[in-house]
Amino acid sequence: MDLTEELKNLITKLTKENIEYALCGGLAMAIYALPRATLDIDLLIEAGSLENTKRAAHELGFTLQAAPMELHEGKIHIHRVTKTDPETGEILILDLLTVTPEIISAWKTRTRVEWEHGNISVVSPQGLILLKSFRKSGQDQDDISFLRSISDED
């Protein structure tokens, strides 16, 4: 599966359905010029648009749903849906992070960025720092350092 094409199709669908979102995770890092080997799409959405977002994703082939996950003492809520390519068996995971009080600032500071397929809503560098601060992996710490460096340039 072509990750960029899948993202483009998803963003087009959400825009058409008037569903607000903000790209986060590895693809958001790539938007900010730090390419990441990622095999999934992560979107931050409002809890009230969860069902509409899942329906829109389902129409694009994201038909397998996992049980909702609460991480970091309930500060992060993830709803995972998966698409399987019937020809190759490849899978693509879409993680829908719903806005919680602890991460609402990441939602409020989202920004619009031009990319090769138009305009896309992305969590701001400061918002990504917040989201990544819940994890302690070396990769997340490296990402936080990079995001701080580009935030200082502004």
N, C-alpha and C. Protein backbone atom coordinates (compact mmCIF):
# COMPACT_ATOMS: atom_id res chain seq x y z
N MET A 1 0.84 -1.19 0.00
CA MET A 1 0.00 0.00 0.00
C MET A 1 0.88 1.24 0.00
N ASP A 2 0.45 2.23 -0.71
CA ASP A 2 1.15 3.51 -0.77
C ASP A 2 0.64 4.40 0.36
N LEU A 3 1.47 4.60 1.38
CA LEU A 3 1.07 5.34 2.57
C LEU A 3 0.64 6.77 2.24
N THR A 4 1.37 7.42 1.36
CA THR A 4 1.03 8.80 0.98
C THR A 4 -0.32 8.86 0.28
N GLU A 5 -0.57 7.91 -0.59
CA GLU A 5 -1.85 7.87 -1.31
C GLU A 5 -3.00 7.59 -0.34
N GLU A 6 -2.78 6.68 0.59
CA GLU A 6 -3.81 6.37 1.59
C GLU A 6 -4.09 7.59 2.46
N LEU A 7 -3.05 8.31 2.85
CA LEU A 7 -3.23 9.53 3.64
C LEU A 7 -4.01 10.56 2.84
N LYS A 8 -3.64 10.74 1.60
CA LYS A 8 -4.34 11.71 0.73
C LYS A 8 -5.82 11.36 0.64
N ASN A 9 -6.13 10.09 0.40
CA ASN A 9 -7.53 9.66 0.30
C ASN A 9 -8.29 9.90 1.60
N LEU A 10 -7.64 9.61 2.71
CA LEU A 10 -8.28 9.80 4.02
C LEU A 10 -8.54 11.28 4.29
N ILE A 11 -7.56 12.12 4.04
CA ILE A 11 -7.70 13.56 4.28
C ILE A 11 -8.78 14.14 3.37
N THR A 12 -8.81 13.71 2.12
CA THR A 12 -9.84 14.17 1.18
C THR A 12 -11.22 13.80 1.69
N LYS A 13 -11.37 12.56 2.17
CA LYS A 13 -12.65 12.08 2.69
C LYS A 13 -13.08 12.86 3.94
N LEU A 14 -12.16 13.05 4.87
CA LEU A 14 -12.50 13.78 6.09
C LEU A 14 -12.87 15.23 5.78
N THR A 15 -12.16 15.84 4.86
CA THR A 15 -12.46 17.22 4.47
C THR A 15 -13.84 17.30 3.84
N LYS A 16 -14.14 16.35 2.96
CA LYS A 16 -15.45 16.31 2.30
C LYS A 16 -16.58 16.14 3.32
N GLU A 17 -16.32 15.36 4.37
CA GLU A 17 -17.32 15.09 5.41
C GLU A 17 -17.33 16.16 6.51
N ASN A 18 -16.50 17.19 6.36
CA ASN A 18 -16.39 18.26 7.36
C ASN A 18 -16.00 17.74 8.74
N ILE A 19 -15.09 16.77 8.76
CA ILE A 19 -14.58 16.21 10.01
C ILE A 19 -13.21 16.83 10.27
N GLU A 20 -13.08 17.49 11.41
CA GLU A 20 -11.81 18.11 11.77
C GLU A 20 -10.85 17.05 12.31
N TYR A 21 -9.58 17.21 12.00
CA TYR A 21 -8.54 16.27 12.38
C TYR A 21 -7.23 17.04 12.47
N ALA A 22 -6.22 16.40 13.02
CA ALA A 22 -4.85 16.91 12.97
C ALA A 22 -3.92 15.71 12.89
N LEU A 23 -3.10 15.69 11.87
CA LEU A 23 -2.12 14.62 11.70
C LEU A 23 -1.12 14.70 12.85
N CYS A 24 -0.77 13.54 13.40
CA CYS A 24 0.25 13.49 14.45
C CYS A 24 1.11 12.26 14.20
N GLY A 25 2.03 11.95 15.08
CA GLY A 25 2.85 10.76 14.91
C GLY A 25 3.94 10.92 13.87
N GLY A 26 4.38 9.80 13.33
CA GLY A 26 5.51 9.78 12.39
C GLY A 26 5.30 10.59 11.13
N LEU A 27 4.07 10.58 10.60
CA LEU A 27 3.82 11.35 9.38
C LEU A 27 3.86 12.85 9.66
N ALA A 28 3.43 13.26 10.84
CA ALA A 28 3.55 14.68 11.21
C ALA A 28 5.02 15.06 11.32
N MET A 29 5.83 14.17 11.87
CA MET A 29 7.27 14.45 11.95
C MET A 29 7.84 14.63 10.54
N ALA A 30 7.38 13.83 9.60
CA ALA A 30 7.86 13.96 8.21
C ALA A 30 7.46 15.31 7.62
N ILE A 31 6.27 15.80 7.96
CA ILE A 31 5.83 17.11 7.49
C ILE A 31 6.80 18.19 7.98
N TYR A 32 7.31 18.00 9.20
CA TYR A 32 8.25 18.97 9.77
C TYR A 32 9.70 18.65 9.42
N ALA A 33 9.90 17.93 8.32
CA ALA A 33 11.22 17.69 7.72
C ALA A 33 12.09 16.70 8.48
N LEU A 34 11.47 15.81 9.24
CA LEU A 34 12.24 14.74 9.86
C LEU A 34 11.59 13.42 9.44
N PRO A 35 12.01 12.91 8.26
CA PRO A 35 11.39 11.69 7.75
C PRO A 35 11.49 10.54 8.75
N ARG A 36 10.43 9.78 8.81
CA ARG A 36 10.33 8.70 9.77
C ARG A 36 9.84 7.45 9.04
N ALA A 37 10.47 6.33 9.31
CA ALA A 37 9.97 5.08 8.76
C ALA A 37 8.74 4.70 9.56
N THR A 38 7.58 4.94 9.00
CA THR A 38 6.34 4.65 9.72
C THR A 38 5.41 3.87 8.82
N LEU A 39 4.63 3.02 9.42
CA LEU A 39 3.71 2.18 8.67
C LEU A 39 2.27 2.42 9.09
N ASP A 40 2.02 3.56 9.74
CA ASP A 40 0.66 3.84 10.16
C ASP A 40 0.35 5.32 10.01
N ILE A 41 -0.92 5.63 10.20
CA ILE A 41 -1.40 7.01 10.17
C ILE A 41 -1.98 7.30 11.55
N ASP A 42 -1.58 8.41 12.13
CA ASP A 42 -2.09 8.82 13.43
C ASP A 42 -2.81 10.15 13.27
N LEU A 43 -4.06 10.21 13.72
CA LEU A 43 -4.84 11.44 13.66
C LEU A 43 -5.38 11.78 15.03
N LEU A 44 -5.31 13.05 15.38
CA LEU A 44 -5.95 13.56 16.58
C LEU A 44 -7.31 14.11 16.17
N ILE A 45 -8.36 13.68 16.87
CA ILE A 45 -9.72 14.12 16.55
C ILE A 45 -10.47 14.42 17.84
N GLU A 46 -11.56 15.16 17.72
CA GLU A 46 -12.42 15.38 18.87
C GLU A 46 -13.25 14.13 19.12
N ALA A 47 -13.50 13.83 20.39
CA ALA A 47 -14.27 12.64 20.75
C ALA A 47 -15.64 12.64 20.08
N GLY A 48 -16.24 13.80 19.93
CA GLY A 48 -17.57 13.89 19.33
C GLY A 48 -17.61 13.52 17.86
N SER A 49 -16.45 13.50 17.21
CA SER A 49 -16.43 13.13 15.79
C SER A 49 -15.90 11.71 15.56
N LEU A 50 -15.69 10.97 16.65
CA LEU A 50 -15.13 9.62 16.53
C LEU A 50 -15.95 8.72 15.62
N GLU A 51 -17.25 8.63 15.85
CA GLU A 51 -18.07 7.71 15.05
C GLU A 51 -18.09 8.12 13.58
N ASN A 52 -18.21 9.42 13.30
CA ASN A 52 -18.19 9.87 11.90
C ASN A 52 -16.84 9.60 11.26
N THR A 53 -15.77 9.75 12.01
CA THR A 53 -14.43 9.48 11.48
C THR A 53 -14.27 7.99 11.19
N LYS A 54 -14.73 7.15 12.11
CA LYS A 54 -14.64 5.70 11.89
C LYS A 54 -15.48 5.28 10.69
N ARG A 55 -16.66 5.89 10.53
CA ARG A 55 -17.51 5.58 9.38
C ARG A 55 -16.81 5.98 8.08
N ALA A 56 -16.24 7.17 8.05
CA ALA A 56 -15.53 7.63 6.85
C ALA A 56 -14.35 6.72 6.53
N ALA A 57 -13.60 6.33 7.56
CA ALA A 57 -12.46 5.42 7.36
C ALA A 57 -12.94 4.05 6.88
N HIS A 58 -14.05 3.59 7.42
CA HIS A 58 -14.62 2.30 7.00
C HIS A 58 -14.94 2.32 5.51
N GLU A 59 -15.47 3.43 5.03
CA GLU A 59 -15.79 3.55 3.60
C GLU A 59 -14.54 3.50 2.73
N LEU A 60 -13.38 3.77 3.32
CA LEU A 60 -12.11 3.69 2.60
C LEU A 60 -11.40 2.35 2.82
N GLY A 61 -12.07 1.41 3.49
CA GLY A 61 -11.51 0.08 3.66
C GLY A 61 -10.93 -0.23 5.03
N PHE A 62 -10.98 0.72 5.95
CA PHE A 62 -10.49 0.47 7.32
C PHE A 62 -11.62 -0.22 8.09
N THR A 63 -11.73 -1.52 7.90
CA THR A 63 -12.89 -2.26 8.39
C THR A 63 -12.64 -3.07 9.66
N LEU A 64 -11.39 -3.27 10.03
CA LEU A 64 -11.08 -4.05 11.24
C LEU A 64 -10.88 -3.10 12.41
N GLN A 65 -11.66 -3.28 13.47
CA GLN A 65 -11.57 -2.40 14.64
C GLN A 65 -11.00 -3.16 15.83
N ALA A 66 -10.07 -2.52 16.51
CA ALA A 66 -9.54 -3.06 17.76
C ALA A 66 -10.30 -2.45 18.93
N ALA A 67 -10.16 -3.05 20.08
CA ALA A 67 -10.78 -2.47 21.28
C ALA A 67 -10.10 -1.14 21.59
N PRO A 68 -10.86 -0.17 22.09
CA PRO A 68 -10.25 1.12 22.44
C PRO A 68 -9.15 0.93 23.49
N MET A 69 -8.13 1.76 23.40
CA MET A 69 -7.01 1.70 24.34
C MET A 69 -6.90 3.01 25.10
N GLU A 70 -6.64 2.90 26.39
CA GLU A 70 -6.34 4.07 27.22
C GLU A 70 -4.92 3.90 27.73
N LEU A 71 -4.08 4.88 27.45
CA LEU A 71 -2.68 4.81 27.84
C LEU A 71 -2.33 5.97 28.77
N HIS A 72 -1.24 5.81 29.49
CA HIS A 72 -0.72 6.86 30.37
C HIS A 72 -1.80 7.37 31.32
N GLU A 73 -2.36 6.41 32.06
CA GLU A 73 -3.37 6.69 33.09
C GLU A 73 -4.59 7.41 32.52
N GLY A 74 -4.97 7.03 31.30
CA GLY A 74 -6.17 7.59 30.68
C GLY A 74 -5.98 8.93 29.99
N LYS A 75 -4.75 9.41 29.93
CA LYS A 75 -4.50 10.70 29.28
C LYS A 75 -4.57 10.60 27.76
N ILE A 76 -4.28 9.42 27.23
CA ILE A 76 -4.30 9.18 25.79
C ILE A 76 -5.33 8.09 25.50
N HIS A 77 -6.28 8.38 24.63
CA HIS A 77 -7.29 7.40 24.19
C HIS A 77 -7.06 7.14 22.71
N ILE A 78 -6.89 5.87 22.36
CA ILE A 78 -6.64 5.49 20.97
C ILE A 78 -7.70 4.51 20.50
N HIS A 79 -8.24 4.80 19.33
CA HIS A 79 -9.19 3.91 18.66
C HIS A 79 -8.52 3.49 17.36
N ARG A 80 -8.21 2.20 17.25
CA ARG A 80 -7.43 1.70 16.11
C ARG A 80 -8.35 1.00 15.12
N VAL A 81 -8.19 1.37 13.86
CA VAL A 81 -8.86 0.68 12.76
C VAL A 81 -7.79 0.29 11.74
N THR A 82 -8.02 -0.81 11.06
CA THR A 82 -7.01 -1.36 10.17
C THR A 82 -7.61 -1.68 8.81
N LYS A 83 -6.81 -1.43 7.80
CA LYS A 83 -7.18 -1.75 6.42
C LYS A 83 -6.24 -2.85 5.94
N THR A 84 -6.80 -3.83 5.27
CA THR A 84 -6.00 -4.91 4.69
C THR A 84 -6.14 -4.88 3.18
N ASP A 85 -5.01 -4.90 2.49
CA ASP A 85 -5.03 -4.96 1.03
C ASP A 85 -5.36 -6.39 0.62
N PRO A 86 -6.49 -6.60 -0.07
CA PRO A 86 -6.90 -7.98 -0.39
C PRO A 86 -5.94 -8.69 -1.35
N GLU A 87 -5.19 -7.92 -2.14
CA GLU A 87 -4.28 -8.54 -3.10
C GLU A 87 -2.95 -8.93 -2.47
N THR A 88 -2.40 -8.05 -1.63
CA THR A 88 -1.06 -8.29 -1.09
C THR A 88 -1.07 -8.77 0.36
N GLY A 89 -2.18 -8.56 1.05
CA GLY A 89 -2.24 -8.90 2.46
C GLY A 89 -1.61 -7.85 3.36
N GLU A 90 -1.07 -6.78 2.76
CA GLU A 90 -0.49 -5.70 3.56
C GLU A 90 -1.56 -5.06 4.43
N ILE A 91 -1.14 -4.60 5.60
CA ILE A 91 -2.08 -3.90 6.47
C ILE A 91 -1.63 -2.46 6.69
N LEU A 92 -2.61 -1.61 6.94
CA LEU A 92 -2.35 -0.22 7.27
C LEU A 92 -3.18 0.12 8.50
N ILE A 93 -2.51 0.58 9.53
CA ILE A 93 -3.17 0.94 10.79
C ILE A 93 -3.46 2.43 10.80
N LEU A 94 -4.67 2.76 11.22
CA LEU A 94 -5.08 4.14 11.45
C LEU A 94 -5.40 4.27 12.94
N ASP A 95 -4.59 5.04 13.64
CA ASP A 95 -4.84 5.30 15.06
C ASP A 95 -5.52 6.64 15.21
N LEU A 96 -6.70 6.62 15.81
CA LEU A 96 -7.47 7.83 16.07
C LEU A 96 -7.32 8.17 17.54
N LEU A 97 -6.58 9.23 17.83
CA LEU A 97 -6.39 9.70 19.20
C LEU A 97 -7.46 10.74 19.47
N THR A 98 -8.26 10.52 20.50
CA THR A 98 -9.29 11.50 20.81
C THR A 98 -8.76 12.51 21.82
N VAL A 99 -9.20 13.74 21.64
CA VAL A 99 -8.77 14.83 22.51
C VAL A 99 -9.25 14.56 23.94
N THR A 100 -8.34 14.64 24.88
CA THR A 100 -8.65 14.54 26.31
C THR A 100 -8.19 15.85 26.96
N PRO A 101 -8.63 16.11 28.19
CA PRO A 101 -8.20 17.36 28.84
C PRO A 101 -6.67 17.52 28.89
N GLU A 102 -5.96 16.41 29.04
CA GLU A 102 -4.50 16.47 29.16
C GLU A 102 -3.80 16.84 27.85
N ILE A 103 -4.45 16.61 26.72
CA ILE A 103 -3.79 16.90 25.43
C ILE A 103 -4.56 17.93 24.60
N ILE A 104 -5.49 18.63 25.23
CA ILE A 104 -6.30 19.59 24.47
C ILE A 104 -5.45 20.70 23.85
N SER A 105 -4.33 21.04 24.49
CA SER A 105 -3.48 22.10 23.92
C SER A 105 -2.88 21.65 22.59
N ALA A 106 -2.64 20.35 22.41
CA ALA A 106 -2.15 19.86 21.12
C ALA A 106 -3.21 20.08 20.04
N TRP A 107 -4.47 19.93 20.41
CA TRP A 107 -5.58 20.15 19.48
C TRP A 107 -5.72 21.64 19.17
N LYS A 108 -5.66 22.45 20.20
CA LYS A 108 -5.89 23.89 20.02
C LYS A 108 -4.78 24.57 19.22
N THR A 109 -3.58 24.00 19.23
CA THR A 109 -2.46 24.63 18.52
C THR A 109 -2.17 23.98 17.17
N ARG A 110 -3.10 23.14 16.69
CA ARG A 110 -2.88 22.52 15.38
C ARG A 110 -2.76 23.62 14.33
N THR A 111 -2.14 23.27 13.21
CA THR A 111 -1.89 24.25 12.17
C THR A 111 -2.15 23.64 10.80
N ARG A 112 -2.31 24.47 9.80
CA ARG A 112 -2.50 23.98 8.43
C ARG A 112 -1.19 24.15 7.68
N VAL A 113 -0.83 23.12 6.94
CA VAL A 113 0.44 23.09 6.23
C VAL A 113 0.18 22.67 4.79
N GLU A 114 0.90 23.29 3.86
CA GLU A 114 0.83 22.86 2.47
C GLU A 114 1.74 21.65 2.30
N TRP A 115 1.24 20.64 1.60
CA TRP A 115 2.06 19.49 1.26
C TRP A 115 1.77 19.13 -0.19
N GLU A 116 2.40 18.12 -0.71
CA GLU A 116 2.31 17.82 -2.13
C GLU A 116 0.90 17.55 -2.63
N HIS A 117 -0.03 17.25 -1.73
CA HIS A 117 -1.40 16.95 -2.14
C HIS A 117 -2.39 17.99 -1.65
N GLY A 118 -1.91 19.19 -1.34
CA GLY A 118 -2.81 20.25 -0.91
C GLY A 118 -2.54 20.73 0.49
N ASN A 119 -3.60 20.96 1.22
CA ASN A 119 -3.53 21.53 2.56
C ASN A 119 -3.89 20.46 3.58
N ILE A 120 -3.14 20.38 4.66
CA ILE A 120 -3.37 19.35 5.66
C ILE A 120 -3.27 19.96 7.06
N SER A 121 -4.11 19.51 7.97
CA SER A 121 -4.07 19.95 9.36
C SER A 121 -3.09 19.06 10.12
N VAL A 122 -2.15 19.69 10.84
CA VAL A 122 -1.10 18.95 11.53
C VAL A 122 -0.98 19.49 12.96
N VAL A 123 -0.73 18.60 13.89
CA VAL A 123 -0.43 19.02 15.26
C VAL A 123 0.84 19.87 15.20
N SER A 124 0.85 20.97 15.92
CA SER A 124 2.01 21.87 15.93
C SER A 124 3.22 21.18 16.56
N PRO A 125 4.42 21.71 16.31
CA PRO A 125 5.59 21.14 16.99
C PRO A 125 5.41 21.10 18.51
N GLN A 126 4.84 22.15 19.09
CA GLN A 126 4.61 22.16 20.54
C GLN A 126 3.63 21.07 20.95
N GLY A 127 2.61 20.85 20.13
CA GLY A 127 1.64 19.79 20.40
C GLY A 127 2.26 18.41 20.30
N LEU A 128 3.15 18.22 19.32
CA LEU A 128 3.85 16.94 19.19
C LEU A 128 4.76 16.70 20.38
N ILE A 129 5.42 17.76 20.86
CA ILE A 129 6.25 17.63 22.05
C ILE A 129 5.40 17.13 23.22
N LEU A 130 4.22 17.72 23.38
CA LEU A 130 3.32 17.28 24.45
C LEU A 130 2.96 15.81 24.29
N LEU A 131 2.52 15.41 23.10
CA LEU A 131 2.12 14.02 22.88
C LEU A 131 3.29 13.06 23.11
N LYS A 132 4.47 13.44 22.64
CA LYS A 132 5.64 12.56 22.78
C LYS A 132 6.17 12.53 24.21
N SER A 133 5.83 13.54 25.01
CA SER A 133 6.34 13.59 26.38
C SER A 133 5.75 12.49 27.26
N PHE A 134 4.67 11.86 26.81
CA PHE A 134 4.07 10.77 27.59
C PHE A 134 4.87 9.48 27.45
N ARG A 135 5.66 9.39 26.39
CA ARG A 135 6.48 8.20 26.18
C ARG A 135 7.92 8.52 26.50
N LYS A 136 8.66 7.54 26.86
CA LYS A 136 10.05 7.78 27.27
C LYS A 136 11.04 7.10 26.33
N SER A 137 10.60 6.71 25.13
CA SER A 137 11.51 6.00 24.22
C SER A 137 12.61 6.95 23.73
N GLY A 138 13.73 6.37 23.36
CA GLY A 138 14.83 7.16 22.81
C GLY A 138 14.41 7.91 21.57
N GLN A 139 13.61 7.27 20.72
CA GLN A 139 13.14 7.92 19.49
C GLN A 139 12.29 9.14 19.83
N ASP A 140 11.40 9.00 20.78
CA ASP A 140 10.56 10.13 21.16
C ASP A 140 11.39 11.26 21.75
N GLN A 141 12.40 10.93 22.54
CA GLN A 141 13.27 11.97 23.11
C GLN A 141 14.05 12.69 22.01
N ASP A 142 14.52 11.93 21.01
CA ASP A 142 15.20 12.55 19.86
C ASP A 142 14.24 13.46 19.10
N ASP A 143 13.01 12.99 18.91
CA ASP A 143 12.01 13.80 18.22
C ASP A 143 11.72 15.09 18.98
N ILE A 144 11.63 15.00 20.30
CA ILE A 144 11.37 16.18 21.12
C ILE A 144 12.50 17.19 20.96
N SER A 145 13.75 16.71 20.95
CA SER A 145 14.89 17.63 20.75
C SER A 145 14.79 18.32 19.40
N PHE A 146 14.46 17.56 18.35
CA PHE A 146 14.31 18.15 17.02
C PHE A 146 13.18 19.18 17.01
N LEU A 147 12.05 18.82 17.57
CA LEU A 147 10.90 19.73 17.57
C LEU A 147 11.20 21.01 18.36
N ARG A 148 11.93 20.88 19.44
CA ARG A 148 12.32 22.08 20.19
C ARG A 148 13.23 22.96 19.35
N SER A 149 14.12 22.34 18.57
CA SER A 149 15.04 23.13 17.75
C SER A 149 14.30 23.90 16.66
N ILE A 150 13.27 23.30 16.07
CA ILE A 150 12.54 24.05 15.03
C ILE A 150 11.57 25.04 15.66
N SER A 151 11.12 24.78 16.87
CA SER A 151 10.26 25.75 17.56
C SER A 151 11.05 26.99 17.93
N ASP A 152 12.32 26.81 18.27
CA ASP A 152 13.18 27.94 18.64
C ASP A 152 13.48 28.83 17.44
N GLU A 153 13.37 28.26 16.21
CA GLU A 153 13.64 29.03 15.01
C GLU A 153 12.54 30.03 14.71
N ASP A 154 11.33 29.76 15.21
CA ASP A 154 10.18 30.64 14.90
C ASP A 154 10.25 31.97 15.60
